[in-house]
Amino acid sequence: MKNWYEIHEQSAGNLRLETLWLAYKIFGIKFLKFVLWFVCLFIVPFAKNARAASKKYKKILNEYQKKLGYAKTRFSTFSHIYGFACGALDKMTASCDRRNKIKFAIHKNADWTQFQKHIKQNQGVFLICSHLGNIEVLSAFPDSSNKKMHAFMQVSQTSTFHKFMMRHNIATNTTIYPTENIDISVAGNMYDNLQSGDLVMMAGDRTSPNTPSRFETVPFLGVDCRFPVGTFKFARAQSHPIFAICVMNVGGEKYGIYVKEIKSETIKEMIGEYARFLEKLVLIYPKQWFNFFDFFETNTKGKKMIKDKNYYENILPQFDCKFSMSVRNKYFELIKSGKKDIELRAFDEKRRQMKVGDKFLLYDAENTDNYIICSIINLHIAPDFETLFSKVDIKRTGFETIKELEDVVFKFITKEEFIKNSVVGIEIKVVK
């Protein structure tokens, strides 16, 4: 069975999503969920990985329920996947329609009281979410409009759906960051955001595709499971309160919000707290576990990683680097060989801090043991690609045409975001 980052969108396309959105605006959410039931009849037979993952999850869940003396939860693979599809519709309405009828109920306890205390005192909070329940509907929560949210998302896996959400999104207080582009400068920006009282959110239940060997194994539903180390290290490094959070469907368009403060000091203990929080909710809402890949797989093989785990503390200062940047293997090899000397990025706040002469560590996103040191020779700033390539040869970027470039680049960031921030061609030279 494939890992989550090897599985791409199924039955997603711009035309289908726009048609679905139009039908929603005309007929409403209940009618659309009725139609979706028939759509799933055609989709589920072809969703081999999702069906296999659902069956394995149900088997492990039932064995654990038996061990605890609980009644077994009985549900079909079809109803499990249909529940996920209905949740996707709720995501769309929560983020894109001000008239949405989503309601919320708070699970009030000591953790929620402490969370509210931080919010009222304008303290930043780091939230660790998961693929249990439907965290994205939180954008419709009334109190969320008063807080800025900085959320990390693996956009390359759901690029079509992500682009749709960006086109229609009305949640102006939320900024999405691709997890593919996290580096030391992003970490610094998140710290500043937390200092300003904002919320930062990242999932803690999926290992990174770039460093899949960086995980801790802790018990979950009676099975030793892998949880990513990176999310919890990143959260702890921010030196702000950390809370696990889940938003669970309690019936219809009503959702319950659950939080749990993570107080442990070691990474493994933090992950253990987080896993126990998820486990309690899974036993209450067993049909809302939406990790449709082999989450319970015990094989511990992974790609290579940077051997020095104190990467930011040791490797960057060792080479006198200001920041780091990752690119896919194909483009890493082109830069390394000298065939590509311009790397494209949106000229956002992070890139505005770059200066000619800065040295940085460039690493292969598919094998982080593979890295080189580069220096910035020039920064070519332009409002769009056409203007940029009137000044520099597009072939220096590793592409032949603008269309070829856009087909790759817009999987990770929307065209609108490029237009908003302008484009920068970072001219680089390999130092060593």
Protein backbone atom coordinates (compact mmCIF):
# COMPACT_ATOMS: atom_id res chain seq x y z
CA MET A 1 0.00 0.00 0.00
CA LYS A 2 1.28 3.48 -0.87
CA ASN A 3 2.30 6.13 1.63
CA TRP A 4 0.21 9.31 1.79
CA TYR A 5 2.62 11.44 -0.27
CA GLU A 6 2.58 8.87 -3.09
CA ILE A 7 -1.21 9.15 -3.49
CA HIS A 8 -2.61 11.99 -5.58
CA GLU A 9 -6.06 13.47 -6.09
CA GLN A 10 -8.77 11.26 -7.58
CA SER A 11 -11.86 12.54 -9.39
CA ALA A 12 -10.67 16.13 -8.96
CA GLY A 13 -10.57 18.62 -11.79
CA ASN A 14 -11.22 22.33 -12.16
CA LEU A 15 -14.36 21.80 -14.25
CA ARG A 16 -15.79 19.20 -11.85
CA LEU A 17 -15.15 21.38 -8.81
CA GLU A 18 -16.60 24.50 -10.40
CA THR A 19 -19.68 22.52 -11.51
CA LEU A 20 -20.04 21.17 -7.98
CA TRP A 21 -19.77 24.69 -6.57
CA LEU A 22 -22.41 26.01 -8.97
CA ALA A 23 -24.76 23.15 -8.01
CA TYR A 24 -24.24 23.96 -4.34
CA LYS A 25 -25.13 27.62 -4.84
CA ILE A 26 -28.31 26.66 -6.71
CA PHE A 27 -29.57 23.63 -4.76
CA GLY A 28 -27.85 23.82 -1.35
CA ILE A 29 -25.66 21.49 0.68
CA LYS A 30 -28.23 18.80 1.53
CA PHE A 31 -29.14 18.17 -2.08
CA LEU A 32 -25.47 18.08 -3.03
CA LYS A 33 -24.66 15.49 -0.36
CA PHE A 34 -27.53 13.39 -1.68
CA VAL A 35 -26.04 13.55 -5.19
CA LEU A 36 -22.57 12.88 -3.79
CA TRP A 37 -23.77 9.51 -2.47
CA PHE A 38 -24.35 8.36 -6.06
CA VAL A 39 -21.08 9.90 -7.22
CA CYS A 40 -19.23 7.87 -4.59
CA LEU A 41 -20.81 4.69 -5.96
CA PHE A 42 -18.70 5.24 -9.07
CA ILE A 43 -15.56 6.54 -7.32
CA VAL A 44 -15.11 4.01 -4.51
CA PRO A 45 -14.56 0.91 -6.71
CA PHE A 46 -11.55 2.65 -8.27
CA ALA A 47 -10.13 3.97 -4.97
CA LYS A 48 -8.01 0.90 -4.28
CA ASN A 49 -5.65 2.46 -1.73
CA ALA A 50 -8.46 4.18 0.19
CA ARG A 51 -10.49 0.96 0.39
CA ALA A 52 -7.49 -1.05 1.61
CA ALA A 53 -6.57 1.60 4.21
CA SER A 54 -10.17 1.80 5.46
CA LYS A 55 -10.43 -1.97 5.90
CA LYS A 56 -7.12 -2.17 7.76
CA TYR A 57 -8.05 0.74 10.02
CA LYS A 58 -11.43 -0.86 10.84
CA LYS A 59 -9.74 -4.17 11.71
CA ILE A 60 -7.21 -2.51 14.04
CA LEU A 61 -9.93 -0.32 15.59
CA ASN A 62 -12.20 -3.31 16.27
CA GLU A 63 -9.35 -5.31 17.83
CA TYR A 64 -8.54 -2.39 20.13
CA GLN A 65 -12.22 -1.90 21.04
CA LYS A 66 -12.43 -5.60 21.92
CA LYS A 67 -9.33 -5.29 24.10
CA LEU A 68 -10.94 -2.37 25.98
CA GLY A 69 -14.23 -4.21 26.31
CA TYR A 70 -16.05 -1.78 23.99
CA ALA A 71 -18.66 -2.77 21.42
CA LYS A 72 -17.22 -3.03 17.90
CA THR A 73 -18.02 -0.16 15.57
CA ARG A 74 -19.52 -1.48 12.35
CA PHE A 75 -19.35 0.59 9.18
CA SER A 76 -18.71 -0.05 5.52
CA THR A 77 -15.73 1.16 3.52
CA PHE A 78 -18.22 3.02 1.31
CA SER A 79 -19.73 4.95 4.23
CA HIS A 80 -16.22 5.77 5.49
CA ILE A 81 -15.17 7.29 2.15
CA TYR A 82 -18.56 8.97 1.68
CA GLY A 83 -18.10 10.64 5.07
CA PHE A 84 -14.77 12.01 3.89
CA ALA A 85 -16.38 13.34 0.69
CA CYS A 86 -19.13 15.08 2.68
CA GLY A 87 -16.44 16.63 4.85
CA ALA A 88 -14.78 18.03 1.72
CA LEU A 89 -18.06 19.76 0.83
CA ASP A 90 -18.21 21.25 4.32
CA LYS A 91 -14.64 22.53 3.86
CA MET A 92 -15.72 24.30 0.68
CA THR A 93 -18.77 25.94 2.25
CA ALA A 94 -16.92 26.94 5.43
CA SER A 95 -14.13 28.68 3.53
CA CYS A 96 -15.99 29.97 0.49
CA ASP A 97 -19.58 30.85 1.45
CA ARG A 98 -20.48 33.47 4.05
CA ARG A 99 -24.02 32.04 4.12
CA ASN A 100 -22.83 28.62 5.31
CA LYS A 101 -24.96 27.05 8.05
CA ILE A 102 -22.13 25.34 9.92
CA LYS A 103 -22.58 25.51 13.68
CA PHE A 104 -20.09 24.79 16.48
CA ALA A 105 -20.17 23.29 19.94
CA ILE A 106 -17.20 23.71 22.29
CA HIS A 107 -15.96 20.80 24.40
CA LYS A 108 -15.28 22.87 27.50
CA ASN A 109 -12.65 21.61 29.93
CA ALA A 110 -9.50 22.89 31.67
CA ASP A 111 -7.57 22.81 28.38
CA TRP A 112 -10.17 24.93 26.59
CA THR A 113 -10.16 27.42 29.49
CA GLN A 114 -6.37 27.71 29.24
CA PHE A 115 -6.56 28.07 25.45
CA GLN A 116 -9.11 30.89 25.78
CA LYS A 117 -6.91 32.57 28.38
CA HIS A 118 -4.01 32.71 25.90
CA ILE A 119 -6.30 34.09 23.18
CA LYS A 120 -7.75 36.81 25.42
CA GLN A 121 -4.24 37.85 26.48
CA ASN A 122 -3.27 38.09 22.79
CA GLN A 123 -0.69 35.33 23.14
CA GLY A 124 0.26 33.33 20.09
CA VAL A 125 -0.59 29.61 20.14
CA PHE A 126 0.88 26.77 18.06
CA LEU A 127 -1.87 24.30 17.05
CA ILE A 128 -1.11 20.72 16.04
CA CYS A 129 -4.00 19.37 13.99
CA SER A 130 -4.55 16.02 12.25
CA HIS A 131 -6.59 14.24 9.59
CA LEU A 132 -9.10 13.16 12.19
CA GLY A 133 -12.32 15.12 11.75
CA ASN A 134 -12.42 18.25 9.60
CA ILE A 135 -10.04 20.98 10.81
CA GLU A 136 -10.63 23.19 7.73
CA VAL A 137 -14.20 24.08 8.78
CA LEU A 138 -12.66 26.04 11.65
CA SER A 139 -12.48 29.00 9.27
CA ALA A 140 -16.26 29.38 9.74
CA PHE A 141 -15.95 29.58 13.54
CA PRO A 142 -17.11 33.10 14.55
CA ASP A 143 -14.20 33.82 16.92
CA SER A 144 -11.64 32.85 14.26
CA SER A 145 -12.28 36.07 12.32
CA ASN A 146 -10.51 37.99 15.08
CA LYS A 147 -7.27 36.02 14.80
CA LYS A 148 -4.78 35.57 11.98
CA MET A 149 -4.08 31.93 11.16
CA HIS A 150 -0.88 30.67 9.51
CA ALA A 151 -1.50 27.09 8.36
CA PHE A 152 0.92 24.65 6.73
CA MET A 153 -0.32 22.33 4.02
CA GLN A 154 1.22 19.82 1.58
CA VAL A 155 -0.32 21.55 -1.46
CA SER A 156 1.37 19.37 -4.10
CA GLN A 157 -0.82 16.40 -3.09
CA THR A 158 -4.10 18.26 -3.63
CA SER A 159 -3.06 21.05 -5.98
CA THR A 160 -6.35 21.16 -7.93
CA PHE A 161 -8.52 21.35 -4.81
CA HIS A 162 -6.10 23.85 -3.24
CA LYS A 163 -6.30 26.13 -6.29
CA PHE A 164 -10.10 25.96 -6.18
CA MET A 165 -10.11 26.94 -2.51
CA MET A 166 -7.71 29.82 -3.17
CA ARG A 167 -9.95 31.14 -5.96
CA HIS A 168 -13.10 31.15 -3.82
CA ASN A 169 -11.69 31.57 -0.32
CA ILE A 170 -13.35 34.26 1.82
CA ALA A 171 -11.28 33.53 4.95
CA THR A 172 -8.93 36.48 4.50
CA ASN A 173 -7.46 35.93 7.96
CA THR A 174 -5.85 32.60 6.93
CA THR A 175 -2.54 32.24 5.08
CA ILE A 176 -1.51 28.86 3.64
CA TYR A 177 2.17 27.89 3.52
CA PRO A 178 3.36 24.89 1.48
CA THR A 179 5.18 22.47 3.79
CA GLU A 180 7.51 21.79 0.85
CA ASN A 181 9.10 25.23 1.35
CA ILE A 182 9.76 25.25 5.10
CA ASP A 183 13.23 26.54 5.99
CA ILE A 184 14.92 28.56 8.71
CA SER A 185 13.52 31.89 7.48
CA VAL A 186 9.97 30.49 7.62
CA ALA A 187 10.63 29.37 11.20
CA GLY A 188 11.72 32.92 12.05
CA ASN A 189 8.61 34.39 10.43
CA MET A 190 6.36 32.02 12.39
CA TYR A 191 8.01 33.07 15.64
CA ASP A 192 7.32 36.72 14.79
CA ASN A 193 3.70 35.87 13.96
CA LEU A 194 3.25 34.10 17.29
CA GLN A 195 4.82 37.05 19.08
CA SER A 196 2.12 39.20 17.46
CA GLY A 197 -0.60 36.97 18.93
CA ASP A 198 -1.37 34.98 15.76
CA LEU A 199 -2.13 31.25 15.51
CA VAL A 200 0.16 28.81 13.67
CA MET A 201 -1.12 25.37 12.67
CA MET A 202 0.56 22.23 11.36
CA ALA A 203 -0.53 18.57 11.10
CA GLY A 204 1.22 16.07 13.37
CA ASP A 205 0.00 12.74 12.04
CA ARG A 206 1.90 12.32 8.75
CA THR A 207 5.62 11.81 8.24
CA SER A 208 7.37 14.22 5.88
CA PRO A 209 7.92 13.11 2.26
CA ASN A 210 11.30 14.86 2.38
CA THR A 211 12.49 13.21 5.59
CA PRO A 212 10.32 10.10 6.13
CA SER A 213 12.92 8.51 8.40
CA ARG A 214 12.54 11.27 11.00
CA PHE A 215 9.78 9.87 13.21
CA GLU A 216 9.06 8.54 16.66
CA THR A 217 7.07 5.37 17.24
CA VAL A 218 4.33 5.56 19.89
CA PRO A 219 1.27 3.38 20.65
CA PHE A 220 -1.96 4.33 18.90
CA LEU A 221 -5.05 2.07 18.94
CA GLY A 222 -2.87 -0.70 20.33
CA VAL A 223 -0.36 -0.53 17.46
CA ASP A 224 3.07 1.12 17.36
CA CYS A 225 2.68 3.92 14.81
CA ARG A 226 5.03 6.48 13.29
CA PHE A 227 4.50 10.18 13.97
CA PRO A 228 6.69 12.92 12.47
CA VAL A 229 9.36 14.44 14.67
CA GLY A 230 9.54 17.65 12.59
CA THR A 231 6.14 19.10 13.53
CA PHE A 232 6.79 18.75 17.26
CA LYS A 233 10.35 20.08 17.06
CA PHE A 234 9.11 23.02 15.02
CA ALA A 235 6.35 23.69 17.56
CA ARG A 236 8.68 23.46 20.56
CA ALA A 237 11.27 25.74 18.93
CA GLN A 238 8.68 28.54 18.73
CA SER A 239 8.63 28.86 22.55
CA HIS A 240 4.86 29.46 22.69
CA PRO A 241 1.94 27.43 24.11
CA ILE A 242 1.20 24.25 22.12
CA PHE A 243 -2.26 22.71 21.77
CA ALA A 244 -3.53 19.69 19.86
CA ILE A 245 -6.83 20.47 18.14
CA CYS A 246 -9.57 18.49 16.36
CA VAL A 247 -12.88 19.59 14.89
CA MET A 248 -15.33 16.70 14.79
CA ASN A 249 -18.66 16.37 12.99
CA VAL A 250 -21.36 15.77 15.60
CA GLY A 251 -24.23 15.54 13.12
CA GLY A 252 -25.33 17.35 9.96
CA GLU A 253 -23.46 20.63 9.61
CA LYS A 254 -22.63 20.85 13.32
CA TYR A 255 -19.05 20.46 14.57
CA GLY A 256 -17.45 20.07 17.99
CA ILE A 257 -14.10 21.70 18.82
CA TYR A 258 -11.69 19.78 21.06
CA VAL A 259 -8.30 20.99 22.32
CA LYS A 260 -5.57 19.47 24.49
CA GLU A 261 -2.56 21.39 25.81
CA ILE A 262 0.73 19.64 25.10
CA LYS A 263 2.91 20.13 28.16
CA SER A 264 5.58 17.43 27.87
CA GLU A 265 9.23 18.39 27.45
CA THR A 266 10.70 15.63 25.28
CA ILE A 267 9.62 15.12 21.68
CA LYS A 268 8.54 11.52 22.26
CA GLU A 269 6.43 12.49 25.28
CA MET A 270 4.83 15.31 23.27
CA ILE A 271 3.93 12.86 20.51
CA GLY A 272 2.57 10.43 23.11
CA GLU A 273 0.24 13.13 24.51
CA TYR A 274 -0.91 13.99 21.01
CA ALA A 275 -1.53 10.32 20.08
CA ARG A 276 -3.58 9.70 23.25
CA PHE A 277 -5.69 12.79 22.47
CA LEU A 278 -6.42 11.46 18.97
CA GLU A 279 -7.11 7.97 20.29
CA LYS A 280 -9.81 9.19 22.68
CA LEU A 281 -11.56 11.03 19.87
CA VAL A 282 -11.27 8.10 17.45
CA LEU A 283 -13.14 5.93 19.96
CA ILE A 284 -15.92 8.54 20.08
CA TYR A 285 -15.95 9.33 16.34
CA PRO A 286 -14.55 6.18 14.67
CA LYS A 287 -15.81 7.00 11.15
CA GLN A 288 -13.89 10.29 11.01
CA TRP A 289 -10.35 8.90 10.73
CA PHE A 290 -9.43 10.14 7.25
CA ASN A 291 -5.86 8.92 6.79
CA PHE A 292 -6.51 6.83 3.67
CA PHE A 293 -3.04 5.34 3.41
CA ASP A 294 -1.18 2.65 5.36
CA PHE A 295 -0.85 4.67 8.56
CA PHE A 296 -0.40 1.47 10.59
CA GLU A 297 2.37 0.11 8.39
CA THR A 298 5.33 -1.09 10.49
CA ASN A 299 8.12 -0.90 7.89
CA THR A 300 10.63 1.68 9.12
CA LYS A 301 12.56 2.19 5.90
CA GLY A 302 12.87 5.80 4.81
CA LYS A 303 14.78 8.09 2.52
CA LYS A 304 18.13 9.53 3.58
CA MET A 305 18.18 12.51 5.88
CA ILE A 306 20.70 15.10 6.94
CA LYS A 307 22.72 13.19 9.54
CA ASP A 308 23.19 16.18 11.83
CA LYS A 309 19.78 16.50 13.50
CA ASN A 310 20.70 19.93 14.87
CA TYR A 311 20.45 21.14 11.28
CA TYR A 312 19.52 24.75 11.91
CA GLU A 313 21.87 25.12 14.88
CA ASN A 314 24.93 23.46 13.32
CA ILE A 315 24.89 23.02 9.55
CA LEU A 316 23.83 26.53 8.50
CA PRO A 317 26.27 28.38 10.81
CA GLN A 318 29.02 25.92 9.86
CA PHE A 319 28.88 27.13 6.25
CA ASP A 320 28.04 30.74 7.16
CA CYS A 321 24.64 30.38 5.46
CA LYS A 322 21.82 32.87 5.97
CA PHE A 323 18.99 30.44 5.10
CA SER A 324 18.20 27.21 3.28
CA MET A 325 16.08 26.34 0.26
CA SER A 326 14.90 23.05 -1.21
CA VAL A 327 14.22 22.06 -4.83
CA ARG A 328 13.16 18.81 -6.45
CA ASN A 329 15.91 16.38 -7.47
CA LYS A 330 15.70 17.20 -11.19
CA TYR A 331 16.32 20.91 -10.60
CA PHE A 332 18.90 20.28 -7.88
CA GLU A 333 21.01 18.29 -10.34
CA LEU A 334 20.63 21.01 -13.00
CA ILE A 335 21.84 23.67 -10.55
CA LYS A 336 24.67 21.47 -9.33
CA SER A 337 25.85 20.87 -12.91
CA GLY A 338 25.62 24.59 -13.80
CA LYS A 339 22.83 24.10 -16.38
CA LYS A 340 20.37 26.08 -14.24
CA ASP A 341 21.42 29.26 -12.44
CA ILE A 342 18.10 31.02 -11.81
CA GLU A 343 15.58 29.76 -9.26
CA LEU A 344 12.06 31.24 -9.36
CA ARG A 345 10.06 32.25 -6.31
CA ALA A 346 7.20 34.58 -5.44
CA PHE A 347 8.71 37.84 -4.20
CA ASP A 348 6.99 37.57 -0.82
CA GLU A 349 8.10 38.82 2.58
CA LYS A 350 10.58 35.96 2.97
CA ARG A 351 12.35 36.66 -0.35
CA ARG A 352 12.43 40.41 0.29
CA GLN A 353 14.92 39.67 3.05
CA MET A 354 17.39 38.15 0.56
CA LYS A 355 20.41 40.20 -0.47
CA VAL A 356 23.02 39.89 -3.20
CA GLY A 357 26.02 38.13 -1.69
CA ASP A 358 24.00 36.02 0.78
CA LYS A 359 25.14 32.42 1.01
CA PHE A 360 22.52 29.71 1.50
CA LEU A 361 22.24 25.94 1.72
CA LEU A 362 20.37 24.38 -1.22
CA TYR A 363 19.26 20.80 -0.71
CA ASP A 364 17.56 18.06 -2.69
CA ALA A 365 13.98 17.77 -1.41
CA GLU A 366 13.99 14.06 -2.29
CA ASN A 367 17.28 13.26 -0.51
CA THR A 368 18.28 15.79 2.15
CA ASP A 369 21.75 14.27 2.50
CA ASN A 370 22.38 15.84 -0.90
CA TYR A 371 23.10 19.56 -0.52
CA ILE A 372 25.35 22.31 -1.85
CA ILE A 373 26.28 25.84 -0.81
CA CYS A 374 25.20 28.64 -3.13
CA SER A 375 25.59 32.41 -3.27
CA ILE A 376 23.10 35.00 -4.59
CA ILE A 377 24.60 36.84 -7.60
CA ASN A 378 21.55 38.91 -8.52
CA LEU A 379 17.83 39.29 -7.84
CA HIS A 380 15.73 39.77 -10.99
CA ILE A 381 12.38 41.19 -9.85
CA ALA A 382 9.41 41.50 -12.22
CA PRO A 383 5.59 41.79 -12.00
CA ASP A 384 5.09 38.57 -14.02
CA PHE A 385 6.89 35.80 -15.90
CA GLU A 386 6.57 37.52 -19.30
CA THR A 387 8.36 40.63 -18.03
CA LEU A 388 11.00 38.59 -16.27
CA PHE A 389 11.84 36.56 -19.36
CA SER A 390 12.17 39.69 -21.47
CA LYS A 391 15.23 40.36 -19.31
CA VAL A 392 16.68 36.87 -18.79
CA ASP A 393 16.68 33.67 -20.84
CA ILE A 394 13.99 31.27 -19.59
CA LYS A 395 16.32 28.31 -20.24
CA ARG A 396 18.43 29.47 -17.31
CA THR A 397 15.52 28.40 -15.04
CA GLY A 398 15.54 24.82 -16.31
CA PHE A 399 12.43 25.26 -18.48
CA GLU A 400 11.91 25.72 -22.20
CA THR A 401 8.61 27.65 -22.25
CA ILE A 402 6.44 29.67 -19.85
CA LYS A 403 3.63 27.10 -20.18
CA GLU A 404 5.97 24.28 -19.13
CA LEU A 405 7.12 26.40 -16.18
CA GLU A 406 3.57 27.30 -15.08
CA ASP A 407 2.46 23.66 -15.23
CA VAL A 408 5.07 22.88 -12.56
CA VAL A 409 5.11 26.07 -10.47
CA PHE A 410 1.33 26.42 -10.10
CA LYS A 411 1.12 23.00 -8.46
CA PHE A 412 2.66 24.62 -5.39
CA ILE A 413 1.42 28.20 -5.45
CA THR A 414 -1.46 29.92 -7.21
CA LYS A 415 -1.02 32.32 -10.10
CA GLU A 416 -2.88 34.94 -8.08
CA GLU A 417 -0.28 34.73 -5.32
CA PHE A 418 2.52 35.26 -7.82
CA ILE A 419 0.73 38.31 -9.24
CA LYS A 420 0.11 39.66 -5.73
CA ASN A 421 3.77 39.38 -4.71
CA SER A 422 5.57 39.79 -8.06
CA VAL A 423 8.19 37.29 -9.25
CA VAL A 424 11.87 37.06 -8.38
CA GLY A 425 14.46 35.18 -10.37
CA ILE A 426 17.21 34.36 -7.87
CA GLU A 427 20.47 34.21 -9.83
CA ILE A 428 22.78 31.83 -7.99
CA LYS A 429 26.29 30.50 -8.13
CA VAL A 430 27.40 27.20 -6.64
CA VAL A 431 30.11 27.87 -4.04
CA LYS A 432 30.79 24.27 -3.03
